[in-house]
Amino acid sequence: MTGQKPKPKVLVVDDERVIADTLAIILNQHGYDASAVYTGNGAVERARALRPDLIISDVIMPDMNGIEAAMHI
């Protein structure tokens, strides 16, 4: 056992894949356990499974906006 704290889990949500992926990469390089999803529905599903410490979300997305997704989560 190393005694290190677990990395904070971050879920990045944006329908613009390049933005979501780039932000997740940057966060992973800086000590976070970040993953990206590209839809509001995907965010709800992943958040329920992952139980992230933080969600960074776009607001305007085609299937479910970020505010609706946050309310479901």
Protein backbone atom coordinates (compact mmCIF):
# COMPACT_ATOMS: atom_id res chain seq x y z
CA MET A 1 0.00 0.00 0.00
CA THR A 2 1.44 3.35 -1.03
CA GLY A 3 -0.63 5.62 1.19
CA GLN A 4 -1.56 7.83 -1.75
CA LYS A 5 -5.01 9.37 -1.86
CA PRO A 6 -7.19 8.23 -4.76
CA LYS A 7 -7.35 10.64 -7.66
CA PRO A 8 -10.51 12.76 -7.76
CA LYS A 9 -12.89 11.43 -10.43
CA VAL A 10 -14.08 13.99 -12.97
CA LEU A 11 -16.71 13.49 -15.65
CA VAL A 12 -16.47 15.86 -18.62
CA VAL A 13 -19.65 16.23 -20.70
CA ASP A 14 -19.74 18.01 -24.05
CA ASP A 15 -21.27 17.13 -27.41
CA GLU A 16 -18.15 18.60 -29.04
CA ARG A 17 -15.93 15.52 -28.76
CA VAL A 18 -12.66 17.41 -29.26
CA ILE A 19 -13.45 19.73 -26.36
CA ALA A 20 -14.51 16.92 -24.02
CA ASP A 21 -11.56 14.69 -24.90
CA THR A 22 -9.01 17.52 -24.69
CA LEU A 23 -10.25 18.65 -21.29
CA ALA A 24 -10.20 15.06 -20.00
CA ILE A 25 -6.62 14.64 -21.24
CA ILE A 26 -5.51 17.86 -19.54
CA LEU A 27 -7.17 16.84 -16.28
CA ASN A 28 -5.60 13.36 -16.42
CA GLN A 29 -2.18 14.97 -16.92
CA HIS A 30 -2.74 17.03 -13.78
CA GLY A 31 -3.62 14.32 -11.29
CA TYR A 32 -7.30 13.66 -11.92
CA ASP A 33 -9.07 10.52 -13.08
CA ALA A 34 -11.10 12.12 -15.87
CA SER A 35 -13.31 10.61 -18.53
CA ALA A 36 -15.44 12.15 -21.25
CA VAL A 37 -18.96 11.53 -22.49
CA TYR A 38 -20.72 13.29 -25.32
CA THR A 39 -24.42 13.39 -24.46
CA GLY A 40 -26.60 14.34 -21.55
CA ASN A 41 -28.05 10.83 -21.42
CA GLY A 42 -24.53 9.42 -21.46
CA ALA A 43 -23.63 11.69 -18.56
CA VAL A 44 -26.50 10.42 -16.46
CA GLU A 45 -25.60 6.79 -17.14
CA ARG A 46 -21.85 7.26 -16.57
CA ALA A 47 -22.35 9.36 -13.43
CA ARG A 48 -24.54 6.68 -11.88
CA ALA A 49 -21.86 4.05 -12.55
CA LEU A 50 -18.77 6.17 -11.89
CA ARG A 51 -19.95 8.33 -8.97
CA PRO A 52 -17.62 11.23 -9.93
CA ASP A 53 -16.42 13.84 -7.46
CA LEU A 54 -16.97 16.57 -10.05
CA ILE A 55 -18.87 16.99 -13.31
CA ILE A 56 -17.89 19.63 -15.87
CA SER A 57 -20.69 19.95 -18.39
CA ASP A 58 -21.68 21.89 -21.45
CA VAL A 59 -25.18 23.31 -21.14
CA ILE A 60 -26.47 23.19 -24.71
CA MET A 61 -26.48 19.65 -26.08
CA PRO A 62 -28.93 18.07 -28.52
CA ASP A 63 -30.38 15.16 -26.53
CA MET A 64 -30.54 16.54 -23.00
CA ASN A 65 -29.09 19.84 -21.86
CA GLY A 66 -26.52 19.99 -19.06
CA ILE A 67 -28.98 21.40 -16.54
CA GLU A 68 -31.46 18.57 -17.14
CA ALA A 69 -28.64 16.04 -16.89
CA ALA A 70 -27.49 17.55 -13.59
CA MET A 71 -31.03 17.35 -12.21
CA HIS A 72 -31.25 13.65 -13.20
CA ILE A 73 -27.88 12.91 -11.66
